Amino acid sequence: MNTIEKPQTITTLDGAQEEIFPVACEEEILFDLLEDIFSNYWQQIRFGTLTQGAAWEVGAPNAPTKISLLDGYLTVDFGPWHFHVCIGENNGTRQAPTSEELKKLRKCSRAEFYRRLNQDGNPSSWGFRSFNGAGENQITVFFPNPYYDLFPKFKRHKNPKWEKLDMWNTLRNKHLGLEEDPKDTQGAFKACTS
């Protein structure tokens, strides 16, 4: 488990503020965290890649049928489809070894819990994401949001449902040793529009 004293605040390309809580990029740590997310919270999350110009927010069709690790790649298999994310050392085969350059490019180089802040500096969305050696987003997991329901269809709440932060609080405590942060529940309803 990593522990951090306080989050780092960054400004994104669109000018928004985010607080990030770094996660160690060790294969065992990332496997444990992602297995926890997809085994225990698959019904509550949306996930995909998030880059400038594209956001994939996919819902799992069912619980994973298998979560495995092979040659540095995490595989989460839902039966009809699956995905891979390189979280460890990818060596390739004896006949086709992976070059040192590709190993560095493929492997997760940065992982973090994050929360996006509204104009008042209060959290308005929460999640986890990882990046490869080129700084490209490998996966973003969008956590439940107290201001919205995302499924079965998008719906804005009249009042925040703070219990939807249970996943955020549980995972940060288990994987980073962080206690609940009162800041998470200080946002006003206008946080929904940022």
N, C-alpha and C. Protein backbone atom coordinates (compact mmCIF):
# COMPACT_ATOMS: atom_id res chain seq x y z
N MET A 1 0.85 -1.18 0.00
CA MET A 1 0.00 0.00 0.00
C MET A 1 0.89 1.24 0.00
N ASN A 2 0.56 2.23 -0.83
CA ASN A 2 1.26 3.51 -0.78
C ASN A 2 0.51 4.41 0.17
N THR A 3 1.21 5.34 0.75
CA THR A 3 0.52 6.36 1.53
C THR A 3 1.03 7.72 1.08
N ILE A 4 0.14 8.69 1.06
CA ILE A 4 0.53 10.05 0.68
C ILE A 4 -0.05 11.01 1.70
N GLU A 5 0.60 12.12 1.87
CA GLU A 5 0.14 13.11 2.84
C GLU A 5 -0.99 13.95 2.28
N LYS A 6 -0.82 14.50 1.09
CA LYS A 6 -1.87 15.29 0.49
C LYS A 6 -1.77 15.17 -1.03
N PRO A 7 -2.89 15.41 -1.71
CA PRO A 7 -2.89 15.24 -3.16
C PRO A 7 -2.09 16.33 -3.86
N GLN A 8 -1.69 16.03 -5.09
CA GLN A 8 -1.08 17.02 -5.96
C GLN A 8 -2.21 17.68 -6.75
N THR A 9 -2.15 18.98 -6.94
CA THR A 9 -3.14 19.67 -7.75
C THR A 9 -2.52 20.00 -9.09
N ILE A 10 -3.23 19.64 -10.16
CA ILE A 10 -2.76 19.92 -11.51
C ILE A 10 -3.83 20.72 -12.25
N THR A 11 -3.40 21.42 -13.29
CA THR A 11 -4.33 22.08 -14.18
C THR A 11 -4.33 21.31 -15.49
N THR A 12 -5.50 20.89 -15.93
CA THR A 12 -5.62 20.10 -17.16
C THR A 12 -5.56 21.02 -18.38
N LEU A 13 -5.46 20.43 -19.56
CA LEU A 13 -5.40 21.22 -20.80
C LEU A 13 -6.61 22.12 -20.99
N ASP A 14 -7.77 21.70 -20.45
CA ASP A 14 -8.98 22.52 -20.60
C ASP A 14 -9.12 23.55 -19.48
N GLY A 15 -8.09 23.69 -18.64
CA GLY A 15 -8.08 24.70 -17.59
C GLY A 15 -8.70 24.27 -16.28
N ALA A 16 -9.23 23.06 -16.21
CA ALA A 16 -9.84 22.57 -14.97
C ALA A 16 -8.75 22.16 -13.97
N GLN A 17 -9.12 22.17 -12.71
CA GLN A 17 -8.22 21.72 -11.66
C GLN A 17 -8.58 20.29 -11.29
N GLU A 18 -7.56 19.48 -11.06
CA GLU A 18 -7.75 18.11 -10.58
C GLU A 18 -6.77 17.86 -9.45
N GLU A 19 -7.21 17.06 -8.49
CA GLU A 19 -6.32 16.59 -7.45
C GLU A 19 -6.02 15.13 -7.75
N ILE A 20 -4.74 14.79 -7.71
CA ILE A 20 -4.34 13.42 -8.01
C ILE A 20 -3.65 12.80 -6.80
N PHE A 21 -3.91 11.51 -6.63
CA PHE A 21 -3.37 10.71 -5.53
C PHE A 21 -2.59 9.57 -6.17
N PRO A 22 -1.24 9.70 -6.30
CA PRO A 22 -0.45 8.71 -7.02
C PRO A 22 -0.53 7.30 -6.44
N VAL A 23 -0.50 6.33 -7.34
CA VAL A 23 -0.46 4.90 -7.00
C VAL A 23 0.84 4.35 -7.58
N ALA A 24 1.55 3.54 -6.82
CA ALA A 24 2.79 2.95 -7.30
C ALA A 24 2.52 2.09 -8.53
N CYS A 25 3.39 2.19 -9.52
CA CYS A 25 3.21 1.46 -10.78
C CYS A 25 3.90 0.10 -10.75
N GLU A 26 3.70 -0.64 -9.70
CA GLU A 26 4.24 -1.99 -9.61
C GLU A 26 3.14 -2.96 -10.02
N GLU A 27 3.51 -3.98 -10.77
CA GLU A 27 2.55 -4.94 -11.32
C GLU A 27 1.61 -5.50 -10.25
N GLU A 28 2.16 -5.92 -9.13
CA GLU A 28 1.35 -6.53 -8.07
C GLU A 28 0.34 -5.54 -7.50
N ILE A 29 0.77 -4.30 -7.28
CA ILE A 29 -0.12 -3.26 -6.73
C ILE A 29 -1.24 -2.94 -7.70
N LEU A 30 -0.89 -2.74 -8.98
CA LEU A 30 -1.91 -2.40 -9.98
C LEU A 30 -2.86 -3.57 -10.23
N PHE A 31 -2.34 -4.80 -10.25
CA PHE A 31 -3.22 -5.95 -10.43
C PHE A 31 -4.22 -6.04 -9.29
N ASP A 32 -3.73 -5.90 -8.06
CA ASP A 32 -4.61 -5.97 -6.89
C ASP A 32 -5.70 -4.90 -6.95
N LEU A 33 -5.32 -3.68 -7.30
CA LEU A 33 -6.28 -2.58 -7.37
C LEU A 33 -7.31 -2.79 -8.49
N LEU A 34 -6.85 -3.12 -9.69
CA LEU A 34 -7.78 -3.28 -10.81
C LEU A 34 -8.64 -4.53 -10.65
N GLU A 35 -8.09 -5.58 -10.07
CA GLU A 35 -8.91 -6.77 -9.79
C GLU A 35 -9.99 -6.42 -8.78
N ASP A 36 -9.65 -5.64 -7.77
CA ASP A 36 -10.63 -5.19 -6.78
C ASP A 36 -11.74 -4.38 -7.45
N ILE A 37 -11.38 -3.43 -8.29
CA ILE A 37 -12.37 -2.59 -8.97
C ILE A 37 -13.30 -3.44 -9.84
N PHE A 38 -12.73 -4.28 -10.70
CA PHE A 38 -13.56 -5.00 -11.66
C PHE A 38 -14.28 -6.21 -11.05
N SER A 39 -13.75 -6.78 -9.97
CA SER A 39 -14.45 -7.89 -9.31
C SER A 39 -15.58 -7.40 -8.43
N ASN A 40 -15.34 -6.30 -7.73
CA ASN A 40 -16.28 -5.88 -6.69
C ASN A 40 -17.18 -4.71 -7.05
N TYR A 41 -16.82 -3.96 -8.09
CA TYR A 41 -17.57 -2.74 -8.39
C TYR A 41 -18.01 -2.66 -9.85
N TRP A 42 -17.94 -3.74 -10.59
CA TRP A 42 -18.21 -3.72 -12.03
C TRP A 42 -19.57 -3.12 -12.36
N GLN A 43 -20.56 -3.27 -11.48
CA GLN A 43 -21.90 -2.74 -11.76
C GLN A 43 -21.99 -1.23 -11.54
N GLN A 44 -21.04 -0.66 -10.81
CA GLN A 44 -21.12 0.75 -10.44
C GLN A 44 -20.28 1.68 -11.31
N ILE A 45 -19.42 1.12 -12.13
CA ILE A 45 -18.44 1.95 -12.85
C ILE A 45 -18.72 2.05 -14.34
N ARG A 46 -18.08 3.01 -14.94
CA ARG A 46 -17.92 3.12 -16.39
C ARG A 46 -16.42 3.22 -16.61
N PHE A 47 -15.92 2.72 -17.72
CA PHE A 47 -14.49 2.73 -17.95
C PHE A 47 -14.19 2.80 -19.43
N GLY A 48 -12.97 3.16 -19.74
CA GLY A 48 -12.51 3.26 -21.12
C GLY A 48 -11.27 4.13 -21.16
N THR A 49 -11.00 4.71 -22.31
CA THR A 49 -9.90 5.66 -22.41
C THR A 49 -10.49 7.06 -22.46
N LEU A 50 -9.73 8.01 -21.97
CA LEU A 50 -10.15 9.40 -21.95
C LEU A 50 -8.99 10.23 -22.48
N THR A 51 -9.15 10.75 -23.67
CA THR A 51 -8.13 11.59 -24.29
C THR A 51 -8.81 12.83 -24.83
N GLN A 52 -8.02 13.81 -25.21
CA GLN A 52 -8.61 15.00 -25.82
C GLN A 52 -9.30 14.57 -27.12
N GLY A 53 -10.57 14.80 -27.20
CA GLY A 53 -11.33 14.45 -28.39
C GLY A 53 -12.07 13.13 -28.33
N ALA A 54 -11.89 12.35 -27.26
CA ALA A 54 -12.60 11.07 -27.16
C ALA A 54 -12.74 10.64 -25.70
N ALA A 55 -13.92 10.16 -25.38
CA ALA A 55 -14.17 9.60 -24.05
C ALA A 55 -15.01 8.35 -24.24
N TRP A 56 -14.46 7.21 -23.84
CA TRP A 56 -15.19 5.94 -23.89
C TRP A 56 -15.64 5.63 -22.47
N GLU A 57 -16.94 5.60 -22.26
CA GLU A 57 -17.51 5.28 -20.95
C GLU A 57 -18.35 4.02 -21.10
N VAL A 58 -17.67 2.88 -20.99
CA VAL A 58 -18.26 1.57 -21.23
C VAL A 58 -18.75 0.97 -19.92
N GLY A 59 -19.91 0.36 -19.96
CA GLY A 59 -20.43 -0.36 -18.80
C GLY A 59 -20.22 -1.85 -19.01
N ALA A 60 -19.83 -2.54 -17.96
CA ALA A 60 -19.64 -3.99 -18.06
C ALA A 60 -21.00 -4.67 -18.26
N PRO A 61 -21.07 -5.66 -19.17
CA PRO A 61 -22.34 -6.34 -19.41
C PRO A 61 -22.70 -7.33 -18.30
N ASN A 62 -21.70 -7.73 -17.53
CA ASN A 62 -21.86 -8.71 -16.46
C ASN A 62 -20.57 -8.72 -15.65
N ALA A 63 -20.54 -9.50 -14.59
CA ALA A 63 -19.30 -9.65 -13.82
C ALA A 63 -18.24 -10.28 -14.70
N PRO A 64 -16.98 -9.95 -14.51
CA PRO A 64 -15.93 -10.59 -15.30
C PRO A 64 -15.95 -12.11 -15.12
N THR A 65 -15.75 -12.83 -16.23
CA THR A 65 -15.65 -14.28 -16.14
C THR A 65 -14.24 -14.70 -15.75
N LYS A 66 -13.26 -13.79 -16.00
CA LYS A 66 -11.88 -14.07 -15.64
C LYS A 66 -11.09 -12.77 -15.60
N ILE A 67 -10.23 -12.66 -14.60
CA ILE A 67 -9.27 -11.56 -14.52
C ILE A 67 -7.91 -12.23 -14.37
N SER A 68 -7.00 -11.94 -15.31
CA SER A 68 -5.73 -12.66 -15.30
C SER A 68 -4.57 -11.72 -15.65
N LEU A 69 -3.38 -12.25 -15.49
CA LEU A 69 -2.16 -11.52 -15.78
C LEU A 69 -1.23 -12.43 -16.56
N LEU A 70 -0.78 -11.97 -17.72
CA LEU A 70 0.15 -12.76 -18.54
C LEU A 70 1.11 -11.81 -19.24
N ASP A 71 2.39 -12.04 -19.03
CA ASP A 71 3.45 -11.26 -19.68
C ASP A 71 3.25 -9.76 -19.49
N GLY A 72 2.87 -9.37 -18.28
CA GLY A 72 2.72 -7.95 -17.96
C GLY A 72 1.36 -7.36 -18.27
N TYR A 73 0.51 -8.10 -18.96
CA TYR A 73 -0.80 -7.59 -19.35
C TYR A 73 -1.91 -8.11 -18.43
N LEU A 74 -2.65 -7.18 -17.84
CA LEU A 74 -3.89 -7.50 -17.15
C LEU A 74 -4.94 -7.74 -18.22
N THR A 75 -5.71 -8.81 -18.09
CA THR A 75 -6.84 -9.06 -18.97
C THR A 75 -8.09 -9.17 -18.12
N VAL A 76 -9.10 -8.40 -18.47
CA VAL A 76 -10.41 -8.50 -17.83
C VAL A 76 -11.36 -9.00 -18.91
N ASP A 77 -11.88 -10.21 -18.70
CA ASP A 77 -12.70 -10.90 -19.70
C ASP A 77 -14.15 -10.95 -19.22
N PHE A 78 -15.06 -10.42 -20.04
CA PHE A 78 -16.48 -10.42 -19.72
C PHE A 78 -17.25 -11.49 -20.48
N GLY A 79 -16.54 -12.37 -21.18
CA GLY A 79 -17.22 -13.41 -21.97
C GLY A 79 -17.30 -12.98 -23.43
N PRO A 80 -18.29 -12.13 -23.78
CA PRO A 80 -18.41 -11.72 -25.18
C PRO A 80 -17.28 -10.82 -25.65
N TRP A 81 -16.60 -10.14 -24.71
CA TRP A 81 -15.48 -9.27 -25.06
C TRP A 81 -14.56 -9.10 -23.85
N HIS A 82 -13.37 -8.58 -24.09
CA HIS A 82 -12.37 -8.40 -23.04
C HIS A 82 -11.48 -7.22 -23.39
N PHE A 83 -10.64 -6.83 -22.43
CA PHE A 83 -9.64 -5.80 -22.71
C PHE A 83 -8.34 -6.16 -22.01
N HIS A 84 -7.24 -5.54 -22.47
CA HIS A 84 -5.90 -5.74 -21.92
C HIS A 84 -5.31 -4.38 -21.56
N VAL A 85 -4.56 -4.34 -20.46
CA VAL A 85 -3.80 -3.16 -20.07
C VAL A 85 -2.44 -3.64 -19.57
N CYS A 86 -1.37 -3.07 -20.12
CA CYS A 86 -0.02 -3.46 -19.71
C CYS A 86 0.33 -2.77 -18.39
N ILE A 87 0.44 -3.58 -17.33
CA ILE A 87 0.75 -3.04 -16.00
C ILE A 87 2.10 -3.53 -15.48
N GLY A 88 2.76 -4.41 -16.22
CA GLY A 88 4.03 -4.97 -15.78
C GLY A 88 5.01 -5.11 -16.94
N GLU A 89 6.02 -5.89 -16.71
CA GLU A 89 7.06 -6.12 -17.71
C GLU A 89 6.54 -7.02 -18.83
N ASN A 90 6.56 -6.52 -20.06
CA ASN A 90 6.14 -7.30 -21.22
C ASN A 90 7.39 -7.79 -21.95
N ASN A 91 7.67 -9.09 -21.83
CA ASN A 91 8.90 -9.65 -22.39
C ASN A 91 8.73 -10.26 -23.77
N GLY A 92 7.50 -10.58 -24.16
CA GLY A 92 7.30 -11.24 -25.44
C GLY A 92 7.64 -12.72 -25.33
N THR A 93 7.91 -13.34 -26.46
CA THR A 93 8.27 -14.75 -26.48
C THR A 93 9.75 -14.91 -26.80
N ARG A 94 10.24 -16.14 -26.67
CA ARG A 94 11.64 -16.40 -27.01
C ARG A 94 11.88 -16.10 -28.49
N GLN A 95 10.89 -16.44 -29.33
CA GLN A 95 11.01 -16.21 -30.77
C GLN A 95 10.82 -14.72 -31.13
N ALA A 96 10.05 -14.01 -30.34
CA ALA A 96 9.77 -12.59 -30.62
C ALA A 96 9.82 -11.78 -29.32
N PRO A 97 11.04 -11.57 -28.80
CA PRO A 97 11.15 -10.81 -27.56
C PRO A 97 10.76 -9.34 -27.78
N THR A 98 10.23 -8.73 -26.73
CA THR A 98 9.87 -7.32 -26.79
C THR A 98 11.12 -6.47 -26.62
N SER A 99 11.30 -5.49 -27.49
CA SER A 99 12.46 -4.60 -27.39
C SER A 99 12.36 -3.76 -26.13
N GLU A 100 13.50 -3.27 -25.67
CA GLU A 100 13.53 -2.41 -24.47
C GLU A 100 12.70 -1.16 -24.70
N GLU A 101 12.73 -0.61 -25.90
CA GLU A 101 11.95 0.59 -26.22
C GLU A 101 10.44 0.33 -26.08
N LEU A 102 9.99 -0.81 -26.63
CA LEU A 102 8.57 -1.14 -26.53
C LEU A 102 8.16 -1.48 -25.10
N LYS A 103 9.06 -2.13 -24.34
CA LYS A 103 8.76 -2.42 -22.93
C LYS A 103 8.45 -1.14 -22.18
N LYS A 104 9.28 -0.12 -22.36
CA LYS A 104 9.09 1.17 -21.68
C LYS A 104 7.82 1.87 -22.16
N LEU A 105 7.53 1.76 -23.44
CA LEU A 105 6.34 2.42 -24.00
C LEU A 105 5.05 1.77 -23.52
N ARG A 106 5.00 0.44 -23.49
CA ARG A 106 3.77 -0.29 -23.16
C ARG A 106 3.41 -0.25 -21.69
N LYS A 107 4.40 -0.33 -20.83
CA LYS A 107 4.17 -0.48 -19.40
C LYS A 107 3.58 0.79 -18.77
N CYS A 108 2.74 0.59 -17.79
CA CYS A 108 2.18 1.70 -17.02
C CYS A 108 3.32 2.49 -16.38
N SER A 109 3.34 3.80 -16.63
CA SER A 109 4.37 4.65 -16.04
C SER A 109 3.81 5.60 -14.99
N ARG A 110 2.47 5.74 -14.97
CA ARG A 110 1.82 6.61 -13.99
C ARG A 110 0.42 6.09 -13.74
N ALA A 111 0.04 6.02 -12.47
CA ALA A 111 -1.30 5.60 -12.10
C ALA A 111 -1.75 6.47 -10.93
N GLU A 112 -3.07 6.74 -10.90
CA GLU A 112 -3.53 7.65 -9.86
C GLU A 112 -5.04 7.59 -9.67
N PHE A 113 -5.45 7.81 -8.44
CA PHE A 113 -6.83 8.17 -8.17
C PHE A 113 -6.90 9.67 -8.47
N TYR A 114 -8.04 10.15 -8.92
CA TYR A 114 -8.16 11.58 -9.18
C TYR A 114 -9.56 12.06 -8.84
N ARG A 115 -9.64 13.34 -8.57
CA ARG A 115 -10.95 13.98 -8.46
C ARG A 115 -10.86 15.34 -9.16
N ARG A 116 -11.84 15.57 -10.01
CA ARG A 116 -11.92 16.83 -10.76
C ARG A 116 -12.65 17.84 -9.88
N LEU A 117 -12.19 19.08 -9.92
CA LEU A 117 -12.76 20.12 -9.08
C LEU A 117 -13.60 21.08 -9.91
N ASN A 118 -14.66 21.61 -9.30
CA ASN A 118 -15.48 22.61 -9.99
C ASN A 118 -14.84 24.00 -9.80
N GLN A 119 -15.53 25.04 -10.25
CA GLN A 119 -14.99 26.40 -10.18
C GLN A 119 -14.78 26.87 -8.74
N ASP A 120 -15.49 26.28 -7.79
CA ASP A 120 -15.34 26.65 -6.38
C ASP A 120 -14.25 25.83 -5.68
N GLY A 121 -13.61 24.92 -6.41
CA GLY A 121 -12.57 24.09 -5.82
C GLY A 121 -13.08 22.85 -5.11
N ASN A 122 -14.36 22.53 -5.31
CA ASN A 122 -14.93 21.34 -4.69
C ASN A 122 -14.99 20.19 -5.69
N PRO A 123 -14.81 18.96 -5.23
CA PRO A 123 -14.84 17.80 -6.14
C PRO A 123 -16.19 17.66 -6.85
N SER A 124 -16.11 17.32 -8.15
CA SER A 124 -17.33 17.12 -8.94
C SER A 124 -17.33 15.79 -9.69
N SER A 125 -16.17 15.11 -9.77
CA SER A 125 -16.11 13.75 -10.31
C SER A 125 -14.88 13.05 -9.75
N TRP A 126 -14.95 11.70 -9.73
CA TRP A 126 -13.94 10.89 -9.06
C TRP A 126 -13.59 9.68 -9.92
N GLY A 127 -12.34 9.20 -9.83
CA GLY A 127 -11.99 8.02 -10.60
C GLY A 127 -10.56 7.55 -10.39
N PHE A 128 -10.17 6.62 -11.26
CA PHE A 128 -8.82 6.06 -11.31
C PHE A 128 -8.38 6.04 -12.76
N ARG A 129 -7.09 6.25 -13.01
CA ARG A 129 -6.58 6.18 -14.38
C ARG A 129 -5.11 5.79 -14.38
N SER A 130 -4.68 5.25 -15.53
CA SER A 130 -3.27 4.90 -15.71
C SER A 130 -2.81 5.34 -17.09
N PHE A 131 -1.48 5.50 -17.22
CA PHE A 131 -0.87 6.02 -18.44
C PHE A 131 0.33 5.16 -18.81
N ASN A 132 0.58 5.01 -20.10
CA ASN A 132 1.74 4.23 -20.56
C ASN A 132 3.00 5.08 -20.54
N GLY A 133 4.09 4.53 -21.06
CA GLY A 133 5.37 5.21 -21.06
C GLY A 133 5.42 6.47 -21.90
N ALA A 134 4.48 6.63 -22.82
CA ALA A 134 4.40 7.84 -23.64
C ALA A 134 3.46 8.87 -23.03
N GLY A 135 2.91 8.55 -21.85
CA GLY A 135 1.97 9.46 -21.20
C GLY A 135 0.56 9.39 -21.75
N GLU A 136 0.27 8.34 -22.54
CA GLU A 136 -1.07 8.17 -23.12
C GLU A 136 -1.96 7.41 -22.14
N ASN A 137 -3.23 7.79 -22.09
CA ASN A 137 -4.17 7.15 -21.18
C ASN A 137 -4.38 5.68 -21.59
N GLN A 138 -4.12 4.77 -20.66
CA GLN A 138 -4.38 3.35 -20.87
C GLN A 138 -5.82 3.01 -20.52
N ILE A 139 -6.25 3.48 -19.35
CA ILE A 139 -7.61 3.23 -18.87
C ILE A 139 -7.98 4.31 -17.89
N THR A 140 -9.25 4.70 -17.95
CA THR A 140 -9.85 5.58 -16.94
C THR A 140 -11.08 4.85 -16.42
N VAL A 141 -11.19 4.79 -15.10
CA VAL A 141 -12.37 4.20 -14.47
C VAL A 141 -13.14 5.34 -13.82
N PHE A 142 -14.36 5.57 -14.27
CA PHE A 142 -15.21 6.62 -13.74
C PHE A 142 -16.01 6.04 -12.58
N PHE A 143 -15.82 6.60 -11.39
CA PHE A 143 -16.48 6.10 -10.19
C PHE A 143 -17.89 6.68 -10.08
N PRO A 144 -18.73 6.06 -9.25
CA PRO A 144 -20.07 6.60 -9.03
C PRO A 144 -20.00 8.07 -8.60
N ASN A 145 -20.97 8.83 -9.06
CA ASN A 145 -20.99 10.27 -8.81
C ASN A 145 -22.25 10.63 -8.01
N PRO A 146 -22.10 11.33 -6.88
CA PRO A 146 -23.26 11.66 -6.06
C PRO A 146 -24.24 12.63 -6.73
N TYR A 147 -23.82 13.26 -7.81
CA TYR A 147 -24.66 14.23 -8.49
C TYR A 147 -25.47 13.63 -9.64
N TYR A 148 -25.08 12.44 -10.10
CA TYR A 148 -25.70 11.85 -11.29
C TYR A 148 -25.88 10.34 -11.16
N ASP A 149 -26.81 9.81 -11.92
CA ASP A 149 -26.85 8.39 -12.26
C ASP A 149 -26.45 8.32 -13.72
N LEU A 150 -25.59 7.39 -14.06
CA LEU A 150 -25.18 7.25 -15.46
C LEU A 150 -25.93 6.13 -16.16
N PHE A 151 -26.54 5.22 -15.39
CA PHE A 151 -27.25 4.12 -16.00
C PHE A 151 -28.41 3.73 -15.10
N PRO A 152 -29.46 3.18 -15.58
CA PRO A 152 -29.59 2.75 -16.96
C PRO A 152 -29.65 3.90 -17.95
N LYS A 153 -29.92 5.12 -17.48
CA LYS A 153 -29.80 6.28 -18.35
C LYS A 153 -29.32 7.45 -17.51
N PHE A 154 -28.77 8.46 -18.18
CA PHE A 154 -28.24 9.63 -17.49
C PHE A 154 -29.37 10.36 -16.77
N LYS A 155 -29.16 10.63 -15.48
CA LYS A 155 -30.16 11.34 -14.69
C LYS A 155 -29.44 12.18 -13.64
N ARG A 156 -29.82 13.44 -13.56
CA ARG A 156 -29.25 14.34 -12.57
C ARG A 156 -30.09 14.25 -11.30
N HIS A 157 -29.43 14.16 -10.14
CA HIS A 157 -30.14 14.08 -8.87
C HIS A 157 -30.58 15.46 -8.40
N LYS A 158 -31.71 15.52 -7.72
CA LYS A 158 -32.16 16.78 -7.13
C LYS A 158 -31.27 17.16 -5.96
N ASN A 159 -30.82 16.16 -5.20
CA ASN A 159 -29.91 16.37 -4.08
C ASN A 159 -28.79 15.34 -4.18
N PRO A 160 -27.56 15.72 -3.79
CA PRO A 160 -26.45 14.77 -3.87
C PRO A 160 -26.72 13.51 -3.05
N LYS A 161 -26.28 12.37 -3.57
CA LYS A 161 -26.37 11.10 -2.87
C LYS A 161 -24.94 10.73 -2.43
N TRP A 162 -24.56 11.22 -1.26
CA TRP A 162 -23.19 11.09 -0.79
C TRP A 162 -22.75 9.64 -0.62
N GLU A 163 -23.69 8.72 -0.42
CA GLU A 163 -23.33 7.30 -0.28
C GLU A 163 -22.66 6.76 -1.54
N LYS A 164 -22.83 7.46 -2.66
CA LYS A 164 -22.19 7.02 -3.89
C LYS A 164 -20.67 7.23 -3.86
N LEU A 165 -20.17 7.87 -2.81
CA LEU A 165 -18.72 8.02 -2.64
C LEU A 165 -18.11 6.86 -1.87
N ASP A 166 -18.92 5.87 -1.48
CA ASP A 166 -18.40 4.73 -0.71
C ASP A 166 -17.28 4.00 -1.45
N MET A 167 -17.43 3.80 -2.74
CA MET A 167 -16.38 3.12 -3.51
C MET A 167 -15.08 3.93 -3.47
N TRP A 168 -15.16 5.21 -3.74
CA TRP A 168 -14.00 6.11 -3.69
C TRP A 168 -13.32 6.02 -2.33
N ASN A 169 -14.11 6.14 -1.27
CA ASN A 169 -13.54 6.12 0.08
C ASN A 169 -12.94 4.77 0.42
N THR A 170 -13.61 3.69 0.07
CA THR A 170 -13.12 2.35 0.38
C THR A 170 -11.83 2.04 -0.37
N LEU A 171 -11.78 2.32 -1.67
CA LEU A 171 -10.59 2.01 -2.46
C LEU A 171 -9.39 2.87 -2.05
N ARG A 172 -9.60 4.14 -1.79
CA ARG A 172 -8.48 4.99 -1.37
C ARG A 172 -7.96 4.55 0.00
N ASN A 173 -8.86 4.13 0.89
CA ASN A 173 -8.42 3.66 2.19
C ASN A 173 -7.63 2.36 2.06
N LYS A 174 -8.18 1.42 1.30
CA LYS A 174 -7.55 0.11 1.16
C LYS A 174 -6.21 0.18 0.41
N HIS A 175 -6.14 0.98 -0.65
CA HIS A 175 -4.96 0.97 -1.51
C HIS A 175 -3.98 2.11 -1.26
N LEU A 176 -4.42 3.18 -0.56
CA LEU A 176 -3.52 4.29 -0.27
C LEU A 176 -3.42 4.62 1.21
N GLY A 177 -4.29 3.99 2.03
CA GLY A 177 -4.26 4.27 3.45
C GLY A 177 -4.88 5.62 3.80
N LEU A 178 -5.70 6.19 2.92
CA LEU A 178 -6.31 7.50 3.16
C LEU A 178 -7.70 7.36 3.75
N GLU A 179 -7.98 8.18 4.74
CA GLU A 179 -9.30 8.22 5.36
C GLU A 179 -10.24 9.07 4.50
N GLU A 180 -11.54 9.01 4.81
CA GLU A 180 -12.51 9.85 4.11
C GLU A 180 -12.11 11.31 4.24
N ASP A 181 -12.35 12.08 3.19
CA ASP A 181 -12.00 13.49 3.16
C ASP A 181 -13.28 14.31 3.14
N PRO A 182 -13.52 15.15 4.16
CA PRO A 182 -14.75 15.95 4.19
C PRO A 182 -14.91 16.84 2.95
N LYS A 183 -13.81 17.15 2.29
CA LYS A 183 -13.87 17.98 1.08
C LYS A 183 -14.78 17.35 0.02
N ASP A 184 -14.84 16.02 -0.01
CA ASP A 184 -15.63 15.34 -1.03
C ASP A 184 -17.12 15.66 -0.94
N THR A 185 -17.59 16.02 0.22
CA THR A 185 -19.02 16.30 0.38
C THR A 185 -19.32 17.78 0.60
N GLN A 186 -18.38 18.65 0.28
CA GLN A 186 -18.60 20.08 0.47
C GLN A 186 -19.17 20.77 -0.75
N GLY A 187 -19.22 20.08 -1.87
CA GLY A 187 -19.69 20.72 -3.09
C GLY A 187 -21.17 21.02 -3.03
N ALA A 188 -21.55 22.10 -3.66
CA ALA A 188 -22.96 22.44 -3.81
C ALA A 188 -23.50 21.76 -5.04
N PHE A 189 -24.80 21.75 -5.19
CA PHE A 189 -25.40 21.07 -6.33
C PHE A 189 -24.90 21.61 -7.66
N LYS A 190 -24.46 22.85 -7.71
CA LYS A 190 -23.98 23.42 -8.97
C LYS A 190 -22.76 22.66 -9.48
N ALA A 191 -22.15 21.82 -8.63
CA ALA A 191 -21.02 20.99 -9.08
C ALA A 191 -21.44 20.12 -10.25
N CYS A 192 -22.71 19.86 -10.38
CA CYS A 192 -23.21 19.01 -11.46
C CYS A 192 -23.00 19.63 -12.82
N THR A 193 -22.84 20.92 -12.90
CA THR A 193 -22.79 21.58 -14.19
C THR A 193 -21.36 21.88 -14.63
N SER A 194 -20.38 21.50 -13.85
CA SER A 194 -19.00 21.82 -14.25
C SER A 194 -18.31 20.62 -14.84
